[in-house]
C-alpha atoms as a PDB file:
ATOM      1  CA  MET A   1       0.000   0.000   0.000  1.00  0.00           C
ATOM      2  CA  ARG A   2       1.450   3.296  -1.103  1.00  0.00           C
ATOM      3  CA  THR A   3       1.139   6.445   0.929  1.00  0.00           C
ATOM      4  CA  VAL A   4       0.463   9.707  -0.819  1.00  0.00           C
ATOM      5  CA  PRO A   5       1.990  12.841   0.739  1.00  0.00           C
ATOM      6  CA  MET A   6      -0.546  15.596   1.423  1.00  0.00           C
ATOM      7  CA  SER A   7       0.104  19.286   1.892  1.00  0.00           C
ATOM      8  CA  LEU A   8      -1.911  20.745   4.832  1.00  0.00           C
ATOM      9  CA  PRO A   9      -2.455  24.488   5.245  1.00  0.00           C
ATOM     10  CA  ARG A  10      -0.419  26.109   7.962  1.00  0.00           C
ATOM     11  CA  LEU A  11      -2.431  27.325  10.929  1.00  0.00           C
ATOM     12  CA  PRO A  12      -1.685  30.633  12.605  1.00  0.00           C
ATOM     13  CA  PRO A  13       0.330  30.345  15.794  1.00  0.00           C
ATOM     14  CA  ALA A  14      -1.740  29.916  18.964  1.00  0.00           C
ATOM     15  CA  PRO A  15      -1.713  32.756  21.439  1.00  0.00           C
ATOM     16  CA  SER A  16       0.725  32.498  24.278  1.00  0.00           C
ATOM     17  CA  ARG A  17      -0.688  30.801  27.365  1.00  0.00           C
ATOM     18  CA  GLY A  18       1.164  33.257  29.539  1.00  0.00           C
ATOM     19  CA  ALA A  19      -1.131  36.107  28.507  1.00  0.00           C
ATOM     20  CA  ASP A  20      -4.264  36.672  30.516  1.00  0.00           C
ATOM     21  CA  ALA A  21      -7.320  36.078  28.324  1.00  0.00           C
ATOM     22  CA  SER A  22      -9.386  38.402  30.455  1.00  0.00           C
ATOM     23  CA  THR A  23      -7.047  41.338  29.983  1.00  0.00           C
ATOM     24  CA  PRO A  24      -8.577  43.903  27.573  1.00  0.00           C
ATOM     25  CA  VAL A  25      -6.492  44.803  24.546  1.00  0.00           C
ATOM     26  CA  ALA A  26      -6.751  48.261  22.982  1.00  0.00           C
ATOM     27  CA  VAL A  27      -6.396  48.326  19.183  1.00  0.00           C
ATOM     28  CA  ALA A  28      -5.783  51.613  17.406  1.00  0.00           C
ATOM     29  CA  ALA A  29      -8.000  52.205  14.351  1.00  0.00           C
ATOM     30  CA  THR A  30      -9.139  55.148  12.284  1.00  0.00           C
ATOM     31  CA  ALA A  31     -12.759  56.284  12.323  1.00  0.00           C
ATOM     32  CA  GLY A  32     -13.350  54.905   8.803  1.00  0.00           C
ATOM     33  CA  GLN A  33     -11.919  51.513   9.667  1.00  0.00           C
ATOM     34  CA  ALA A  34     -14.034  51.403  12.792  1.00  0.00           C
ATOM     35  CA  ARG A  35     -17.226  52.135  10.815  1.00  0.00           C
ATOM     36  CA  GLU A  36     -16.392  49.476   8.242  1.00  0.00           C
ATOM     37  CA  ARG A  37     -15.821  46.895  10.945  1.00  0.00           C
ATOM     38  CA  ALA A  38     -18.997  47.934  12.748  1.00  0.00           C
ATOM     39  CA  GLY A  39     -21.050  47.410   9.564  1.00  0.00           C
ATOM     40  CA  VAL A  40     -20.315  43.681   9.718  1.00  0.00           C
ATOM     41  CA  PHE A  41     -22.592  43.399  12.737  1.00  0.00           C
ATOM     42  CA  ALA A  42     -26.306  43.879  12.105  1.00  0.00           C
ATOM     43  CA  GLY A  43     -27.953  46.711  13.929  1.00  0.00           C
ATOM     44  CA  LEU A  44     -24.741  48.617  14.538  1.00  0.00           C
ATOM     45  CA  GLY A  45     -24.526  51.888  12.651  1.00  0.00           C
ATOM     46  CA  ALA A  46     -22.031  53.744  14.787  1.00  0.00           C
ATOM     47  CA  ALA A  47     -18.404  53.188  15.420  1.00  0.00           C
ATOM     48  CA  PRO A  48     -17.549  51.343  18.628  1.00  0.00           C
ATOM     49  CA  VAL A  49     -16.604  53.647  21.443  1.00  0.00           C
ATOM     50  CA  ARG A  50     -13.372  52.995  23.166  1.00  0.00           C
ATOM     51  CA  ARG A  51     -13.915  53.228  26.908  1.00  0.00           C
ATOM     52  CA  VAL A  52     -10.986  54.399  28.942  1.00  0.00           C
ATOM     53  CA  ARG A  53     -10.943  53.494  32.606  1.00  0.00           C
ATOM     54  CA  THR A  54      -9.700  56.350  34.701  1.00  0.00           C
ATOM     55  CA  ALA A  55      -7.502  55.834  37.690  1.00  0.00           C
ATOM     56  CA  PRO A  56      -9.390  55.535  41.001  1.00  0.00           C
ATOM     57  CA  ARG A  57      -9.578  58.756  42.981  1.00  0.00           C
ATOM     58  CA  SER A  58      -8.586  58.984  46.565  1.00  0.00           C
ATOM     59  CA  VAL A  59     -11.695  58.693  48.706  1.00  0.00           C
ATOM     60  CA  ALA A  60     -10.026  60.051  51.801  1.00  0.00           C
ATOM     61  CA  ALA A  61      -8.960  63.258  50.123  1.00  0.00           C
ATOM     62  CA  ASN A  62     -12.426  64.158  48.832  1.00  0.00           C
ATOM     63  CA  ALA A  63     -14.625  62.386  51.364  1.00  0.00           C
ATOM     64  CA  THR A  64     -17.464  64.254  52.972  1.00  0.00           C
ATOM     65  CA  PRO A  65     -16.971  64.273  56.750  1.00  0.00           C
ATOM     66  CA  SER A  66     -19.464  62.216  58.676  1.00  0.00           C
ATOM     67  CA  CYS A  67     -21.631  63.535  61.496  1.00  0.00           C
ATOM     68  CA  GLY A  68     -19.184  62.236  64.085  1.00  0.00           C
ATOM     69  CA  ALA A  69     -16.243  63.947  62.356  1.00  0.00           C
ATOM     70  CA  ARG A  70     -18.068  67.275  62.294  1.00  0.00           C
ATOM     71  CA  LEU A  71     -18.520  67.263  66.077  1.00  0.00           C
ATOM     72  CA  LEU A  72     -16.168  69.572  67.890  1.00  0.00           C
ATOM     73  CA  GLN A  73     -13.595  67.973  70.108  1.00  0.00           C
ATOM     74  CA  ILE A  74     -14.236  68.928  73.732  1.00  0.00           C
ATOM     75  CA  ASP A  75     -11.319  69.349  76.116  1.00  0.00           C
ATOM     76  CA  ALA A  76     -12.726  68.408  79.509  1.00  0.00           C
ATOM     77  CA  HIS A  77      -9.815  70.037  81.312  1.00  0.00           C
ATOM     78  CA  THR A  78     -10.427  73.519  79.875  1.00  0.00           C
ATOM     79  CA  ALA A  79     -14.207  73.435  79.354  1.00  0.00           C
ATOM     80  CA  ASP A  80     -16.544  75.601  81.442  1.00  0.00           C
ATOM     81  CA  LEU A  81     -18.407  72.964  83.396  1.00  0.00           C
ATOM     82  CA  ALA A  82     -20.130  75.406  85.773  1.00  0.00           C
ATOM     83  CA  SER A  83     -21.951  77.301  83.019  1.00  0.00           C
ATOM     84  CA  ALA A  84     -22.755  74.081  81.172  1.00  0.00           C
ATOM     85  CA  LEU A  85     -24.319  72.607  84.313  1.00  0.00           C
ATOM     86  CA  ALA A  86     -26.342  75.770  84.920  1.00  0.00           C
ATOM     87  CA  HIS A  87     -27.762  75.609  81.392  1.00  0.00           C
ATOM     88  CA  VAL A  88     -28.533  71.885  81.551  1.00  0.00           C
ATOM     89  CA  ASP A  89     -30.301  72.269  84.918  1.00  0.00           C
ATOM     90  CA  ASP A  90     -32.415  75.149  83.575  1.00  0.00           C
ATOM     91  CA  ALA A  91     -35.898  73.730  83.054  1.00  0.00           C
ATOM     92  CA  ALA A  92     -36.849  76.621  80.754  1.00  0.00           C
ATOM     93  CA  ALA A  93     -33.998  75.897  78.338  1.00  0.00           C
ATOM     94  CA  PRO A  94     -34.995  74.375  74.968  1.00  0.00           C
ATOM     95  CA  SER A  95     -34.319  70.726  74.309  1.00  0.00           C
ATOM     96  CA  PRO A  96     -30.826  69.878  72.988  1.00  0.00           C
ATOM     97  CA  GLY A  97     -32.316  68.785  69.667  1.00  0.00           C
ATOM     98  CA  GLN A  98     -33.733  72.276  69.083  1.00  0.00           C
ATOM     99  CA  ASP A  99     -30.757  74.228  70.414  1.00  0.00           C
ATOM    100  CA  PRO A 100     -27.294  73.419  68.990  1.00  0.00           C
ATOM    101  CA  GLN A 101     -25.617  75.342  71.804  1.00  0.00           C
ATOM    102  CA  GLY A 102     -27.638  73.386  74.329  1.00  0.00           C
ATOM    103  CA  GLU A 103     -26.520  70.151  72.737  1.00  0.00           C
ATOM    104  CA  LEU A 104     -22.920  71.322  72.957  1.00  0.00           C
ATOM    105  CA  ARG A 105     -23.321  72.116  76.669  1.00  0.00           C
ATOM    106  CA  CYS A 106     -24.767  68.672  77.276  1.00  0.00           C
ATOM    107  CA  ARG A 107     -21.709  67.173  75.613  1.00  0.00           C
ATOM    108  CA  VAL A 108     -19.482  69.329  77.823  1.00  0.00           C
ATOM    109  CA  VAL A 109     -21.194  67.946  80.919  1.00  0.00           C
ATOM    110  CA  LEU A 110     -20.899  64.363  79.700  1.00  0.00           C
ATOM    111  CA  GLU A 111     -17.238  64.681  78.757  1.00  0.00           C
ATOM    112  CA  CYS A 112     -16.400  66.321  82.093  1.00  0.00           C
ATOM    113  CA  MET A 113     -18.275  63.634  84.006  1.00  0.00           C
ATOM    114  CA  ARG A 114     -16.376  61.002  82.067  1.00  0.00           C
ATOM    115  CA  ALA A 115     -13.084  62.691  82.921  1.00  0.00           C
ATOM    116  CA  CYS A 116     -14.034  62.901  86.603  1.00  0.00           C
ATOM    117  CA  ALA A 117     -15.015  59.242  86.656  1.00  0.00           C
ATOM    118  CA  GLY A 118     -11.662  58.403  85.122  1.00  0.00           C
ATOM    119  CA  GLU A 119      -9.948  59.899  88.179  1.00  0.00           C
ATOM    120  CA  SER A 120     -11.983  57.909  90.707  1.00  0.00           C
ATOM    121  CA  TYR A 121      -9.321  55.196  90.910  1.00  0.00           C
ATOM    122  CA  THR A 122      -6.350  57.569  91.216  1.00  0.00           C
ATOM    123  CA  ALA A 123      -4.894  57.040  94.682  1.00  0.00           C
ATOM    124  CA  ASP A 124      -2.305  59.842  94.517  1.00  0.00           C
ATOM    125  CA  LEU A 125      -4.244  63.107  94.812  1.00  0.00           C
ATOM    126  CA  ALA A 126      -1.289  65.049  93.420  1.00  0.00           C
ATOM    127  CA  GLU A 127      -1.858  63.343  90.063  1.00  0.00           C
ATOM    128  CA  VAL A 128      -5.526  64.376  89.778  1.00  0.00           C
ATOM    129  CA  ALA A 129      -5.895  67.216  87.259  1.00  0.00           C
ATOM    130  CA  ALA A 130      -8.389  70.064  87.165  1.00  0.00           C
ATOM    131  CA  ILE A 131     -11.484  69.257  85.124  1.00  0.00           C
ATOM    132  CA  GLY A 132     -14.048  71.581  83.598  1.00  0.00           C
ATOM    133  CA  GLY A 133     -12.495  74.673  85.158  1.00  0.00           C
ATOM    134  CA  LEU A 134     -12.808  73.128  88.631  1.00  0.00           C
ATOM    135  CA  HIS A 135      -9.836  72.270  90.798  1.00  0.00           C
ATOM    136  CA  LEU A 136      -9.456  69.321  93.122  1.00  0.00           C
ATOM    137  CA  ASP A 137      -9.871  70.146  96.803  1.00  0.00           C
ATOM    138  CA  ALA A 138      -7.204  67.881  98.252  1.00  0.00           C
ATOM    139  CA  SER A 139      -8.120  68.721 101.840  1.00  0.00           C
ATOM    140  CA  MET A 140     -11.648  67.371 101.281  1.00  0.00           C
ATOM    141  CA  SER A 141     -10.596  64.428  99.129  1.00  0.00           C
ATOM    142  CA  THR A 142      -9.377  60.946  99.928  1.00  0.00           C
ATOM    143  CA  PRO A 143      -8.085  58.101  97.745  1.00  0.00           C
ATOM    144  CA  ARG A 144     -11.707  56.903  97.477  1.00  0.00           C
ATOM    145  CA  LEU A 145     -13.431  60.286  97.300  1.00  0.00           C
ATOM    146  CA  LYS A 146     -12.597  63.135  94.913  1.00  0.00           C
ATOM    147  CA  LEU A 147     -14.111  66.592  95.257  1.00  0.00           C
ATOM    148  CA  TRP A 148     -13.720  69.295  92.602  1.00  0.00           C
ATOM    149  CA  GLU A 149     -14.967  72.821  93.159  1.00  0.00           C
ATOM    150  CA  GLY A 150     -14.908  76.133  91.332  1.00  0.00           C
ATOM    151  CA  ALA A 151     -13.026  79.167  92.577  1.00  0.00           C
ATOM    152  CA  THR A 152     -15.892  81.578  91.886  1.00  0.00           C
ATOM    153  CA  ASP A 153     -18.855  79.580  90.587  1.00  0.00           C
ATOM    154  CA  LYS A 154     -21.090  77.601  92.896  1.00  0.00           C
ATOM    155  CA  ALA A 155     -20.314  74.280  91.326  1.00  0.00           C
ATOM    156  CA  ILE A 156     -19.074  71.189  93.107  1.00  0.00           C
ATOM    157  CA  VAL A 157     -18.402  67.792  91.594  1.00  0.00           C
ATOM    158  CA  VAL A 158     -17.997  64.799  93.863  1.00  0.00           C
ATOM    159  CA  VAL A 159     -16.800  61.438  92.586  1.00  0.00           C
ATOM    160  CA  LEU A 160     -16.687  58.358  94.770  1.00  0.00           C
ATOM    161  CA  GLY A 161     -14.627  55.391  93.721  1.00  0.00           C
ATOM    162  CA  PHE A 162     -11.980  52.920  94.754  1.00  0.00           C
ATOM    163  CA  SER A 163      -8.288  52.628  94.134  1.00  0.00           C
ATOM    164  CA  GLY A 164      -8.709  48.907  93.699  1.00  0.00           C
ATOM    165  CA  THR A 165      -9.092  45.927  95.976  1.00  0.00           C
ATOM    166  CA  ARG A 166      -5.995  45.220  98.030  1.00  0.00           C
ATOM    167  CA  LEU A 167      -5.719  41.497  98.604  1.00  0.00           C
ATOM    168  CA  ASP A 168      -3.823  42.054 101.857  1.00  0.00           C
ATOM    169  CA  ALA A 169      -6.460  44.443 103.264  1.00  0.00           C
ATOM    170  CA  ALA A 170      -9.292  42.776 105.149  1.00  0.00           C
ATOM    171  CA  ASP A 171     -11.578  45.804 104.740  1.00  0.00           C
ATOM    172  CA  ASP A 172     -11.264  45.732 100.962  1.00  0.00           C
ATOM    173  CA  LEU A 173     -11.991  42.008 100.764  1.00  0.00           C
ATOM    174  CA  LEU A 174     -14.948  42.358 103.121  1.00  0.00           C
ATOM    175  CA  CYS A 175     -16.266  45.223 100.996  1.00  0.00           C
ATOM    176  CA  ASP A 176     -16.146  43.051  97.889  1.00  0.00           C
ATOM    177  CA  MET A 177     -17.964  40.233  99.647  1.00  0.00           C
ATOM    178  CA  LYS A 178     -20.711  42.529 100.946  1.00  0.00           C
ATOM    179  CA  SER A 179     -21.090  44.124  97.542  1.00  0.00           C
ATOM    180  CA  GLN A 180     -22.455  40.871  96.155  1.00  0.00           C
ATOM    181  CA  LEU A 181     -25.725  41.890  97.855  1.00  0.00           C
ATOM    182  CA  ALA A 182     -27.510  44.790  96.153  1.00  0.00           C
ATOM    183  CA  GLN A 183     -29.304  47.440  98.185  1.00  0.00           C
ATOM    184  CA  PRO A 184     -31.195  50.608  97.173  1.00  0.00           C
ATOM    185  CA  HIS A 185     -28.781  53.519  96.906  1.00  0.00           C
ATOM    186  CA  VAL A 186     -29.096  56.393  99.374  1.00  0.00           C
ATOM    187  CA  ASN A 187     -27.282  59.628  98.509  1.00  0.00           C
ATOM    188  CA  MET A 188     -25.817  60.909 101.772  1.00  0.00           C
ATOM    189  CA  LEU A 189     -24.487  64.157 100.313  1.00  0.00           C
ATOM    190  CA  ASP A 190     -27.826  65.747  99.423  1.00  0.00           C
ATOM    191  CA  GLU A 191     -31.326  64.338  99.166  1.00  0.00           C
ATOM    192  CA  ARG A 192     -31.873  66.378  96.009  1.00  0.00           C
ATOM    193  CA  LEU A 193     -29.162  64.485  94.184  1.00  0.00           C
ATOM    194  CA  PRO A 194     -30.264  61.527  92.052  1.00  0.00           C
ATOM    195  CA  THR A 195     -29.885  57.994  93.325  1.00  0.00           C
ATOM    196  CA  LEU A 196     -28.126  55.182  91.516  1.00  0.00           C
ATOM    197  CA  GLY A 197     -30.755  52.492  91.899  1.00  0.00           C
ATOM    198  CA  LYS A 198     -29.421  49.340  93.514  1.00  0.00           C
ATOM    199  CA  VAL A 199     -25.710  49.118  94.285  1.00  0.00           C
ATOM    200  CA  GLY A 200     -23.501  46.750  96.218  1.00  0.00           C
ATOM    201  CA  ALA A 201     -23.971  46.988  99.976  1.00  0.00           C
ATOM    202  CA  GLY A 202     -20.246  47.016 100.696  1.00  0.00           C
ATOM    203  CA  TRP A 203     -19.521  49.807  98.239  1.00  0.00           C
ATOM    204  CA  GLN A 204     -22.398  51.890  99.568  1.00  0.00           C
ATOM    205  CA  GLN A 205     -21.047  51.566 103.109  1.00  0.00           C
ATOM    206  CA  TRP A 206     -17.671  52.808 101.879  1.00  0.00           C
ATOM    207  CA  TRP A 207     -19.267  55.770 100.130  1.00  0.00           C
ATOM    208  CA  GLN A 208     -21.333  56.735 103.152  1.00  0.00           C
ATOM    209  CA  SER A 209     -18.354  56.530 105.472  1.00  0.00           C
ATOM    210  CA  GLU A 210     -16.246  58.663 103.128  1.00  0.00           C
ATOM    211  CA  ALA A 211     -19.035  61.218 102.686  1.00  0.00           C
END
């Protein structure tokens, strides 16, 4: 059986496997060539538009500040707590939602109260800073009780807290054990001051003895 040699047409080279098939390729063409190529497809009468993807813009540089970012930063150590308290306690004052200045004063009170509460565990009175324009009265303060007062305004802030439970102090351990039982809070400083609901019995005894 004789074999007859046949001449096969040469195929174009296959694309390289290293190239990413999903990567778009831009081909330069004149407007006339583009229209001629577009006429091959039915329903297309306009030249294809080459879409250019612009580089992403920095969001941080042109971002609109959120509501939280627009709020002013309040320095509790230099704020005027006495005037803010007077405005908040004024029953005739408009609600904070209707008065932007009133809302700001409420934030001053909250930030100052947070700063005062942060000093409740400071045992060294020399390290307690002035807050809200009020200075610490060291003569009336103890490691568990802090009292701030204004030089001219009739404003006093009292914070009761602990420096921590000392494992070698029987009174501290007994206080923790008694505090497992909750009792209604009684404010010994002034009956007009708000109560705290139910608190630990041991802690309340400490507060009353310090007051």
